[in-house]
């Protein structure tokens, strides 16, 4: 009986110890992965001095706690500028509007699907057809640009609202300027055009953690215009992550048949 009890206790003890060891190992691996990503991001600036400063910042603030990594960074920094590598892969997409050969009605931007965490990971535009009587129909997703990190948020409003503005904040993020915040604005589309008294804005996405020196760019459509397309640039990071590097807006004037209709109604 005692032998069975001892055997059972040893089995339970082995399970508990095994669980603790496994948990500690997983935590250690996750910590090493995070530190590796921080180092890779620090090497993305196009200026050698900024790459050195970013590496030193990681060590001095103990964001890099692994002794071997710390010593490796210190050796690289001591060896001079020629030993500091750089990783700066950046791409761009000039048009994200959906392509359809049968598309005849103009497409207006009405929503954005955004993936965000510390900064903006990905953007997917949502368009809608503008009918001759200025109604919105047949929503269509445009091209997604960016990575798969962060959480997903759909920025949209009720039917009849079109997006009329975007605030883009770019900040210094581990040696490079990336999009760290996005906020969008809508107005209601009426038979007379865009109603300027109906502005609605979204929450600001992106926590901005680890980002500094924010710079705001404000995009608003001109009276009588709508957002017809976006240009997006993106950054591939050596950590395997992809972020949105910049966002610019393209706009067009409301169709001429609208102007003719309004003029005829005014007589």
C-alpha atoms as a PDB file:
ATOM      1  CA  UNK A   1       0.000   0.000   0.000  1.00  0.00           C
ATOM      2  CA  UNK A   2       2.774   2.414   0.939  1.00  0.00           C
ATOM      3  CA  UNK A   3       4.656   1.542  -2.244  1.00  0.00           C
ATOM      4  CA  UNK A   4       1.588   2.355  -4.344  1.00  0.00           C
ATOM      5  CA  UNK A   5       1.145   5.663  -2.509  1.00  0.00           C
ATOM      6  CA  UNK A   6       4.797   6.587  -3.017  1.00  0.00           C
ATOM      7  CA  UNK A   7       4.592   5.635  -6.704  1.00  0.00           C
ATOM      8  CA  UNK A   8       1.503   7.810  -7.135  1.00  0.00           C
ATOM      9  CA  UNK A   9       3.086  10.767  -5.393  1.00  0.00           C
ATOM     10  CA  UNK A  10       6.210  10.453  -7.536  1.00  0.00           C
ATOM     11  CA  UNK A  11       4.071  10.382 -10.683  1.00  0.00           C
ATOM     12  CA  UNK A  12       2.211  13.533  -9.622  1.00  0.00           C
ATOM     13  CA  UNK A  13       5.473  15.229  -8.672  1.00  0.00           C
ATOM     14  CA  UNK A  14       6.965  14.324 -12.051  1.00  0.00           C
ATOM     15  CA  UNK A  15       3.967  15.800 -13.878  1.00  0.00           C
ATOM     16  CA  UNK A  16       4.154  19.054 -11.889  1.00  0.00           C
ATOM     17  CA  UNK A  17       7.911  19.410 -12.375  1.00  0.00           C
ATOM     18  CA  UNK A  18       7.581  18.616 -16.079  1.00  0.00           C
ATOM     19  CA  UNK A  19       4.895  21.281 -16.459  1.00  0.00           C
ATOM     20  CA  UNK A  20       6.995  23.900 -14.692  1.00  0.00           C
ATOM     21  CA  UNK A  21      10.065  23.094 -16.824  1.00  0.00           C
ATOM     22  CA  UNK A  22       8.008  23.211 -20.026  1.00  0.00           C
ATOM     23  CA  UNK A  23       6.437  26.543 -19.050  1.00  0.00           C
ATOM     24  CA  UNK A  24       9.816  28.081 -18.245  1.00  0.00           C
ATOM     25  CA  UNK A  25      11.269  26.811 -21.513  1.00  0.00           C
ATOM     26  CA  UNK A  26       8.386  28.275 -23.525  1.00  0.00           C
ATOM     27  CA  UNK A  27       8.742  31.608 -21.715  1.00  0.00           C
ATOM     28  CA  UNK A  28      12.487  31.654 -22.387  1.00  0.00           C
ATOM     29  CA  UNK A  29      11.991  30.889 -26.087  1.00  0.00           C
ATOM     30  CA  UNK A  30       9.328  33.603 -26.403  1.00  0.00           C
ATOM     31  CA  UNK A  31      11.640  36.093 -24.676  1.00  0.00           C
ATOM     32  CA  UNK A  32      14.519  35.227 -27.039  1.00  0.00           C
ATOM     33  CA  UNK A  33      12.205  35.628 -30.035  1.00  0.00           C
ATOM     34  CA  UNK A  34      11.103  39.091 -28.840  1.00  0.00           C
ATOM     35  CA  UNK A  35      14.701  40.194 -28.264  1.00  0.00           C
ATOM     36  CA  UNK A  36      15.696  38.991 -31.742  1.00  0.00           C
ATOM     37  CA  UNK A  37      12.844  40.983 -33.312  1.00  0.00           C
ATOM     38  CA  UNK A  38      13.869  44.115 -31.388  1.00  0.00           C
ATOM     39  CA  UNK A  39      17.446  43.780 -32.662  1.00  0.00           C
ATOM     40  CA  UNK A  40      16.343  43.297 -36.269  1.00  0.00           C
ATOM     41  CA  UNK A  41      14.128  46.377 -36.071  1.00  0.00           C
ATOM     42  CA  UNK A  42      17.022  48.397 -34.673  1.00  0.00           C
ATOM     43  CA  UNK A  43      19.013  47.555 -37.828  1.00  0.00           C
ATOM     44  CA  UNK A  44      16.474  48.989 -40.284  1.00  0.00           C
ATOM     45  CA  UNK A  45      17.440  52.671 -40.247  1.00  0.00           C
ATOM     46  CA  UNK A  46      19.206  53.986 -43.355  1.00  0.00           C
ATOM     47  CA  UNK A  47      21.561  55.938 -41.071  1.00  0.00           C
ATOM     48  CA  UNK A  48      24.433  54.066 -39.401  1.00  0.00           C
ATOM     49  CA  UNK A  49      24.426  56.352 -36.373  1.00  0.00           C
ATOM     50  CA  UNK A  50      20.745  55.658 -35.746  1.00  0.00           C
ATOM     51  CA  UNK A  51      21.316  51.893 -35.989  1.00  0.00           C
ATOM     52  CA  UNK A  52      24.131  52.154 -33.415  1.00  0.00           C
ATOM     53  CA  UNK A  53      22.024  54.338 -31.112  1.00  0.00           C
ATOM     54  CA  UNK A  54      19.070  51.936 -31.363  1.00  0.00           C
ATOM     55  CA  UNK A  55      21.250  48.944 -30.472  1.00  0.00           C
ATOM     56  CA  UNK A  56      22.788  50.785 -27.531  1.00  0.00           C
ATOM     57  CA  UNK A  57      19.320  51.841 -26.367  1.00  0.00           C
ATOM     58  CA  UNK A  58      18.149  48.212 -26.314  1.00  0.00           C
ATOM     59  CA  UNK A  59      21.137  47.190 -24.181  1.00  0.00           C
ATOM     60  CA  UNK A  60      21.086  50.161 -21.811  1.00  0.00           C
ATOM     61  CA  UNK A  61      17.358  49.831 -21.085  1.00  0.00           C
ATOM     62  CA  UNK A  62      17.644  46.042 -20.574  1.00  0.00           C
ATOM     63  CA  UNK A  63      15.185  45.349 -23.376  1.00  0.00           C
ATOM     64  CA  UNK A  64      17.959  42.937 -24.389  1.00  0.00           C
ATOM     65  CA  UNK A  65      18.599  40.877 -21.254  1.00  0.00           C
ATOM     66  CA  UNK A  66      20.321  37.813 -22.691  1.00  0.00           C
ATOM     67  CA  UNK A  67      24.045  38.073 -21.718  1.00  0.00           C
ATOM     68  CA  UNK A  68      25.249  36.543 -24.998  1.00  0.00           C
ATOM     69  CA  UNK A  69      23.140  38.915 -27.095  1.00  0.00           C
ATOM     70  CA  UNK A  70      24.326  41.880 -25.028  1.00  0.00           C
ATOM     71  CA  UNK A  71      27.975  40.933 -25.516  1.00  0.00           C
ATOM     72  CA  UNK A  72      27.434  40.363 -29.229  1.00  0.00           C
ATOM     73  CA  UNK A  73      25.850  43.802 -29.643  1.00  0.00           C
ATOM     74  CA  UNK A  74      28.645  45.474 -27.665  1.00  0.00           C
ATOM     75  CA  UNK A  75      31.275  43.799 -29.845  1.00  0.00           C
ATOM     76  CA  UNK A  76      29.567  44.883 -33.059  1.00  0.00           C
ATOM     77  CA  UNK A  77      29.263  48.478 -31.824  1.00  0.00           C
ATOM     78  CA  UNK A  78      32.916  48.551 -30.725  1.00  0.00           C
ATOM     79  CA  UNK A  79      34.089  47.254 -34.117  1.00  0.00           C
ATOM     80  CA  UNK A  80      32.903  50.408 -35.831  1.00  0.00           C
ATOM     81  CA  UNK A  81      30.396  51.552 -38.437  1.00  0.00           C
ATOM     82  CA  UNK A  82      31.390  49.097 -41.175  1.00  0.00           C
ATOM     83  CA  UNK A  83      30.238  46.171 -39.022  1.00  0.00           C
ATOM     84  CA  UNK A  84      26.677  47.471 -38.529  1.00  0.00           C
ATOM     85  CA  UNK A  85      24.353  45.777 -41.070  1.00  0.00           C
ATOM     86  CA  UNK A  86      21.205  47.380 -42.435  1.00  0.00           C
ATOM     87  CA  UNK A  87      17.876  45.843 -43.431  1.00  0.00           C
ATOM     88  CA  UNK A  88      15.528  48.176 -45.360  1.00  0.00           C
ATOM     89  CA  UNK A  89      13.170  46.281 -47.676  1.00  0.00           C
ATOM     90  CA  UNK A  90      10.284  48.614 -48.658  1.00  0.00           C
ATOM     91  CA  UNK A  91       7.640  48.184 -51.354  1.00  0.00           C
ATOM     92  CA  UNK A  92       4.621  50.153 -52.533  1.00  0.00           C
ATOM     93  CA  UNK A  93       1.234  49.694 -54.183  1.00  0.00           C
ATOM     94  CA  UNK A  94       0.012  52.654 -56.221  1.00  0.00           C
ATOM     95  CA  UNK A  95      -3.600  51.473 -56.522  1.00  0.00           C
ATOM     96  CA  UNK A  96      -5.689  49.304 -54.205  1.00  0.00           C
ATOM     97  CA  UNK A  97      -9.073  49.760 -55.904  1.00  0.00           C
ATOM     98  CA  UNK A  98     -10.690  46.447 -56.964  1.00  0.00           C
ATOM     99  CA  UNK A  99     -10.173  45.616 -60.642  1.00  0.00           C
ATOM    100  CA  UNK A 100     -13.265  44.585 -62.579  1.00  0.00           C
ATOM    101  CA  UNK A 101     -13.560  44.880 -66.354  1.00  0.00           C
ATOM    102  CA  UNK A 102     -17.342  45.165 -66.022  1.00  0.00           C
ATOM    103  CA  UNK A 103     -17.100  48.023 -63.514  1.00  0.00           C
ATOM    104  CA  UNK A 104     -18.688  51.209 -64.924  1.00  0.00           C
ATOM    105  CA  UNK A 105     -19.957  53.143 -61.893  1.00  0.00           C
ATOM    106  CA  UNK A 106     -17.394  55.184 -59.919  1.00  0.00           C
ATOM    107  CA  UNK A 107     -16.119  53.582 -56.709  1.00  0.00           C
ATOM    108  CA  UNK A 108     -15.875  55.622 -53.505  1.00  0.00           C
ATOM    109  CA  UNK A 109     -13.939  54.604 -50.389  1.00  0.00           C
ATOM    110  CA  UNK A 110     -16.403  53.883 -47.567  1.00  0.00           C
ATOM    111  CA  UNK A 111     -14.456  51.830 -44.995  1.00  0.00           C
ATOM    112  CA  UNK A 112     -11.064  50.466 -43.975  1.00  0.00           C
ATOM    113  CA  UNK A 113     -10.187  47.129 -42.444  1.00  0.00           C
ATOM    114  CA  UNK A 114      -7.075  47.780 -40.337  1.00  0.00           C
ATOM    115  CA  UNK A 115      -4.723  45.419 -38.529  1.00  0.00           C
ATOM    116  CA  UNK A 116      -2.850  47.206 -35.749  1.00  0.00           C
ATOM    117  CA  UNK A 117      -0.777  46.632 -32.623  1.00  0.00           C
ATOM    118  CA  UNK A 118       2.107  48.903 -31.650  1.00  0.00           C
ATOM    119  CA  UNK A 119       1.782  50.412 -35.137  1.00  0.00           C
ATOM    120  CA  UNK A 120      -0.282  49.742 -38.282  1.00  0.00           C
ATOM    121  CA  UNK A 121       0.304  46.260 -39.701  1.00  0.00           C
ATOM    122  CA  UNK A 122      -2.096  46.130 -42.660  1.00  0.00           C
ATOM    123  CA  UNK A 123      -4.846  48.033 -44.465  1.00  0.00           C
ATOM    124  CA  UNK A 124      -7.678  46.669 -46.629  1.00  0.00           C
ATOM    125  CA  UNK A 125      -9.876  49.306 -48.320  1.00  0.00           C
ATOM    126  CA  UNK A 126     -13.609  48.857 -48.832  1.00  0.00           C
ATOM    127  CA  UNK A 127     -15.309  50.641 -51.739  1.00  0.00           C
ATOM    128  CA  UNK A 128     -18.912  51.087 -52.870  1.00  0.00           C
ATOM    129  CA  UNK A 129     -20.442  52.004 -56.215  1.00  0.00           C
ATOM    130  CA  UNK A 130     -21.901  55.497 -56.486  1.00  0.00           C
ATOM    131  CA  UNK A 131     -25.207  55.394 -58.364  1.00  0.00           C
ATOM    132  CA  UNK A 132     -26.544  58.282 -60.541  1.00  0.00           C
ATOM    133  CA  UNK A 133     -28.896  59.317 -57.707  1.00  0.00           C
ATOM    134  CA  UNK A 134     -25.933  59.391 -55.275  1.00  0.00           C
ATOM    135  CA  UNK A 135     -26.639  56.215 -53.388  1.00  0.00           C
ATOM    136  CA  UNK A 136     -24.015  53.667 -52.397  1.00  0.00           C
ATOM    137  CA  UNK A 137     -24.355  50.030 -53.372  1.00  0.00           C
ATOM    138  CA  UNK A 138     -22.384  46.827 -54.004  1.00  0.00           C
ATOM    139  CA  UNK A 139     -19.544  47.068 -51.498  1.00  0.00           C
ATOM    140  CA  UNK A 140     -16.268  45.658 -52.770  1.00  0.00           C
ATOM    141  CA  UNK A 141     -12.994  44.881 -51.011  1.00  0.00           C
ATOM    142  CA  UNK A 142      -9.845  46.300 -52.523  1.00  0.00           C
ATOM    143  CA  UNK A 143      -6.302  44.979 -52.305  1.00  0.00           C
ATOM    144  CA  UNK A 144      -4.984  44.193 -48.827  1.00  0.00           C
ATOM    145  CA  UNK A 145      -1.523  45.607 -48.157  1.00  0.00           C
ATOM    146  CA  UNK A 146       0.659  44.773 -45.154  1.00  0.00           C
ATOM    147  CA  UNK A 147       1.187  41.874 -42.778  1.00  0.00           C
ATOM    148  CA  UNK A 148      -0.840  39.606 -40.540  1.00  0.00           C
ATOM    149  CA  UNK A 149       0.167  40.940 -37.111  1.00  0.00           C
ATOM    150  CA  UNK A 150      -1.942  42.894 -34.653  1.00  0.00           C
ATOM    151  CA  UNK A 151      -5.691  42.800 -34.169  1.00  0.00           C
ATOM    152  CA  UNK A 152      -8.249  43.536 -36.876  1.00  0.00           C
ATOM    153  CA  UNK A 153     -10.689  46.470 -36.738  1.00  0.00           C
ATOM    154  CA  UNK A 154     -13.271  47.397 -39.368  1.00  0.00           C
ATOM    155  CA  UNK A 155     -13.682  51.173 -39.566  1.00  0.00           C
ATOM    156  CA  UNK A 156     -17.085  51.792 -41.120  1.00  0.00           C
ATOM    157  CA  UNK A 157     -20.283  53.797 -40.736  1.00  0.00           C
ATOM    158  CA  UNK A 158     -23.929  53.317 -41.627  1.00  0.00           C
ATOM    159  CA  UNK A 159     -25.036  53.041 -45.242  1.00  0.00           C
ATOM    160  CA  UNK A 160     -24.874  56.328 -47.116  1.00  0.00           C
ATOM    161  CA  UNK A 161     -21.598  57.549 -45.572  1.00  0.00           C
ATOM    162  CA  UNK A 162     -18.406  57.867 -47.596  1.00  0.00           C
ATOM    163  CA  UNK A 163     -14.901  58.341 -46.282  1.00  0.00           C
ATOM    164  CA  UNK A 164     -13.759  61.929 -46.736  1.00  0.00           C
ATOM    165  CA  UNK A 165     -10.513  62.097 -44.801  1.00  0.00           C
ATOM    166  CA  UNK A 166      -7.661  60.187 -43.206  1.00  0.00           C
ATOM    167  CA  UNK A 167      -5.201  61.299 -40.528  1.00  0.00           C
ATOM    168  CA  UNK A 168      -1.893  59.445 -40.829  1.00  0.00           C
ATOM    169  CA  UNK A 169       0.699  59.692 -38.044  1.00  0.00           C
ATOM    170  CA  UNK A 170       4.166  58.400 -38.885  1.00  0.00           C
ATOM    171  CA  UNK A 171       6.708  57.934 -36.131  1.00  0.00           C
ATOM    172  CA  UNK A 172      10.284  56.865 -35.543  1.00  0.00           C
ATOM    173  CA  UNK A 173       9.977  53.135 -34.882  1.00  0.00           C
ATOM    174  CA  UNK A 174      13.273  51.319 -34.304  1.00  0.00           C
ATOM    175  CA  UNK A 175      15.251  53.450 -36.715  1.00  0.00           C
ATOM    176  CA  UNK A 176      12.591  54.079 -39.371  1.00  0.00           C
ATOM    177  CA  UNK A 177       9.453  56.118 -39.902  1.00  0.00           C
ATOM    178  CA  UNK A 178       6.348  53.911 -40.062  1.00  0.00           C
ATOM    179  CA  UNK A 179       2.612  54.573 -39.792  1.00  0.00           C
ATOM    180  CA  UNK A 180       1.915  54.376 -36.057  1.00  0.00           C
ATOM    181  CA  UNK A 181      -1.636  55.809 -35.948  1.00  0.00           C
ATOM    182  CA  UNK A 182      -4.595  55.975 -38.341  1.00  0.00           C
ATOM    183  CA  UNK A 183      -7.883  57.828 -37.890  1.00  0.00           C
ATOM    184  CA  UNK A 184     -10.553  58.203 -40.580  1.00  0.00           C
ATOM    185  CA  UNK A 185     -13.454  60.618 -41.217  1.00  0.00           C
ATOM    186  CA  UNK A 186     -16.814  60.200 -42.958  1.00  0.00           C
ATOM    187  CA  UNK A 187     -19.611  62.406 -44.290  1.00  0.00           C
ATOM    188  CA  UNK A 188     -23.076  61.501 -45.516  1.00  0.00           C
ATOM    189  CA  UNK A 189     -23.636  61.420 -49.264  1.00  0.00           C
ATOM    190  CA  UNK A 190     -26.973  63.077 -50.176  1.00  0.00           C
ATOM    191  CA  UNK A 191     -28.690  63.849 -53.516  1.00  0.00           C
ATOM    192  CA  UNK A 192     -27.080  67.290 -53.276  1.00  0.00           C
ATOM    193  CA  UNK A 193     -23.588  65.892 -52.667  1.00  0.00           C
ATOM    194  CA  UNK A 194     -21.507  65.502 -49.510  1.00  0.00           C
ATOM    195  CA  UNK A 195     -23.227  67.010 -46.447  1.00  0.00           C
ATOM    196  CA  UNK A 196     -20.481  68.949 -44.621  1.00  0.00           C
ATOM    197  CA  UNK A 197     -22.512  69.029 -41.365  1.00  0.00           C
ATOM    198  CA  UNK A 198     -22.491  65.255 -40.843  1.00  0.00           C
ATOM    199  CA  UNK A 199     -18.829  64.547 -40.026  1.00  0.00           C
ATOM    200  CA  UNK A 200     -18.089  61.392 -38.036  1.00  0.00           C
ATOM    201  CA  UNK A 201     -14.614  60.194 -37.044  1.00  0.00           C
ATOM    202  CA  UNK A 202     -13.240  56.849 -35.920  1.00  0.00           C
ATOM    203  CA  UNK A 203     -11.082  55.986 -32.949  1.00  0.00           C
ATOM    204  CA  UNK A 204      -7.340  56.350 -33.480  1.00  0.00           C
ATOM    205  CA  UNK A 205      -5.767  52.954 -34.110  1.00  0.00           C
ATOM    206  CA  UNK A 206      -2.209  51.954 -33.156  1.00  0.00           C
ATOM    207  CA  UNK A 207      -0.883  52.094 -29.584  1.00  0.00           C
ATOM    208  CA  UNK A 208       2.352  53.846 -30.594  1.00  0.00           C
ATOM    209  CA  UNK A 209       4.447  51.748 -28.199  1.00  0.00           C
ATOM    210  CA  UNK A 210       8.211  52.110 -28.878  1.00  0.00           C
ATOM    211  CA  UNK A 211       7.521  54.928 -31.386  1.00  0.00           C
ATOM    212  CA  UNK A 212       8.840  58.479 -31.040  1.00  0.00           C
ATOM    213  CA  UNK A 213       8.824  61.796 -32.942  1.00  0.00           C
ATOM    214  CA  UNK A 214       5.293  61.497 -34.370  1.00  0.00           C
ATOM    215  CA  UNK A 215       4.437  63.548 -37.455  1.00  0.00           C
ATOM    216  CA  UNK A 216       0.825  64.089 -38.539  1.00  0.00           C
ATOM    217  CA  UNK A 217      -0.319  64.203 -42.165  1.00  0.00           C
ATOM    218  CA  UNK A 218      -3.947  65.245 -42.681  1.00  0.00           C
ATOM    219  CA  UNK A 219      -5.840  64.308 -45.855  1.00  0.00           C
ATOM    220  CA  UNK A 220      -9.284  65.776 -46.600  1.00  0.00           C
ATOM    221  CA  UNK A 221     -11.146  65.674 -49.892  1.00  0.00           C
ATOM    222  CA  UNK A 222     -11.934  68.965 -51.617  1.00  0.00           C
ATOM    223  CA  UNK A 223     -15.601  70.088 -51.772  1.00  0.00           C
ATOM    224  CA  UNK A 224     -17.452  68.022 -54.367  1.00  0.00           C
ATOM    225  CA  UNK A 225     -14.802  65.289 -54.390  1.00  0.00           C
ATOM    226  CA  UNK A 226     -14.565  61.744 -53.047  1.00  0.00           C
ATOM    227  CA  UNK A 227     -11.694  59.365 -52.248  1.00  0.00           C
ATOM    228  CA  UNK A 228     -11.262  57.174 -55.319  1.00  0.00           C
ATOM    229  CA  UNK A 229      -8.101  55.231 -54.410  1.00  0.00           C
ATOM    230  CA  UNK A 230      -5.179  54.869 -52.003  1.00  0.00           C
ATOM    231  CA  UNK A 231      -1.437  54.460 -52.423  1.00  0.00           C
ATOM    232  CA  UNK A 232       0.196  52.324 -49.740  1.00  0.00           C
ATOM    233  CA  UNK A 233       3.839  51.590 -49.031  1.00  0.00           C
ATOM    234  CA  UNK A 234       4.886  48.738 -46.762  1.00  0.00           C
ATOM    235  CA  UNK A 235       8.003  47.525 -44.962  1.00  0.00           C
ATOM    236  CA  UNK A 236       9.217  43.931 -44.778  1.00  0.00           C
ATOM    237  CA  UNK A 237      11.162  43.390 -41.567  1.00  0.00           C
ATOM    238  CA  UNK A 238      13.790  40.756 -40.976  1.00  0.00           C
ATOM    239  CA  UNK A 239      11.756  39.616 -37.975  1.00  0.00           C
ATOM    240  CA  UNK A 240       9.204  38.284 -40.483  1.00  0.00           C
ATOM    241  CA  UNK A 241       6.740  41.105 -39.837  1.00  0.00           C
ATOM    242  CA  UNK A 242       5.318  43.540 -42.381  1.00  0.00           C
ATOM    243  CA  UNK A 243       4.059  47.028 -41.504  1.00  0.00           C
ATOM    244  CA  UNK A 244       2.439  49.932 -43.330  1.00  0.00           C
ATOM    245  CA  UNK A 245       5.110  52.506 -44.106  1.00  0.00           C
ATOM    246  CA  UNK A 246       2.933  55.305 -45.547  1.00  0.00           C
ATOM    247  CA  UNK A 247      -0.568  56.092 -46.830  1.00  0.00           C
ATOM    248  CA  UNK A 248      -1.567  58.679 -49.432  1.00  0.00           C
ATOM    249  CA  UNK A 249      -5.010  59.518 -50.796  1.00  0.00           C
ATOM    250  CA  UNK A 250      -6.242  59.931 -54.356  1.00  0.00           C
ATOM    251  CA  UNK A 251      -9.446  61.864 -54.980  1.00  0.00           C
ATOM    252  CA  UNK A 252     -11.746  62.642 -57.869  1.00  0.00           C
ATOM    253  CA  UNK A 253     -14.540  65.086 -58.537  1.00  0.00           C
ATOM    254  CA  UNK A 254     -18.103  63.840 -58.300  1.00  0.00           C
ATOM    255  CA  UNK A 255     -19.378  62.810 -61.742  1.00  0.00           C
ATOM    256  CA  UNK A 256     -20.455  65.558 -64.156  1.00  0.00           C
ATOM    257  CA  UNK A 257     -23.961  64.163 -64.459  1.00  0.00           C
ATOM    258  CA  UNK A 258     -24.476  65.157 -60.824  1.00  0.00           C
ATOM    259  CA  UNK A 259     -23.541  68.773 -61.531  1.00  0.00           C
ATOM    260  CA  UNK A 260     -25.932  68.906 -64.494  1.00  0.00           C
ATOM    261  CA  UNK A 261     -28.721  67.429 -62.405  1.00  0.00           C
ATOM    262  CA  UNK A 262     -28.265  69.978 -59.623  1.00  0.00           C
ATOM    263  CA  UNK A 263     -28.191  72.881 -62.077  1.00  0.00           C
ATOM    264  CA  UNK A 264     -31.382  71.720 -63.780  1.00  0.00           C
ATOM    265  CA  UNK A 265     -33.157  71.350 -60.422  1.00  0.00           C
ATOM    266  CA  UNK A 266     -32.218  74.890 -59.400  1.00  0.00           C
ATOM    267  CA  UNK A 267     -34.224  76.516 -62.226  1.00  0.00           C
END
